[in-house]
């Protein structure tokens, strides 16, 4: 990739600003000042700006512990979004949330720059499990578990069969393979047990890292990336 385009993609400078950076010799490739914006940066090259090493990877996969009160959106004029919790480089690289969590829902949210991966992971046809811990208003019972297992008819669609594990009278673990708008909350509402708290524990083969606190994130390991691509039916190439 051209050096000026790479700097722009990483959010370090606009294409026009790159000219000034390069002319001043502030950008080095493998230790040598490079003033040519059209220079093709070799794969694995060490690129620095004012002596600061740049992470030149254009593909990123992120695990975020989404806190309550934050929108799952790229941007919003009035409220904080999950992108506000990440360094600007992720916005510059167009890292996108995979599906969404409601504003008051917490837990594991995946973000990726790979649009095809994200699309496949949220497709019901892929049967990728999402596991939530829910606390409800009311007492859950076997009839609720049977209703979830049969598939619950909602106003605009019938939810696919889901697994409901009752952990206590008002707490359950639910596994779904869809992720439509307010789906889990609507399913509990349909059996007369409104959700008070909802937390996503897992997404496909990934579990929320216990070391993360609300609002914190980390990039996926190579093993986690490979597992996600396998769940999406895609080849994982480093």
Foldseek 3Di string as FASTA:
>chain_A
DFQLVLCQLQVNDHSVVVQVQLVVQQKDWQRGRHNDRRDDRDPPIFIGGNNHTDDSDLKFKKKAFAAAQAWQDLDDPPGHHLVVLDPCSCVSSVWHWLATDDRGATEIIMTISDPLLSVLLQDLVLQKKWKKKFFWAFFDDPVLQVCLQVWDDDPPGTFHRKGWADPGRGIIMIIGSHRDDCVVQRSCVSVPIGTPYMYIQAIGPDGTDPVDDHSDMDTDDPVVVCRSCVSSVHHDDD
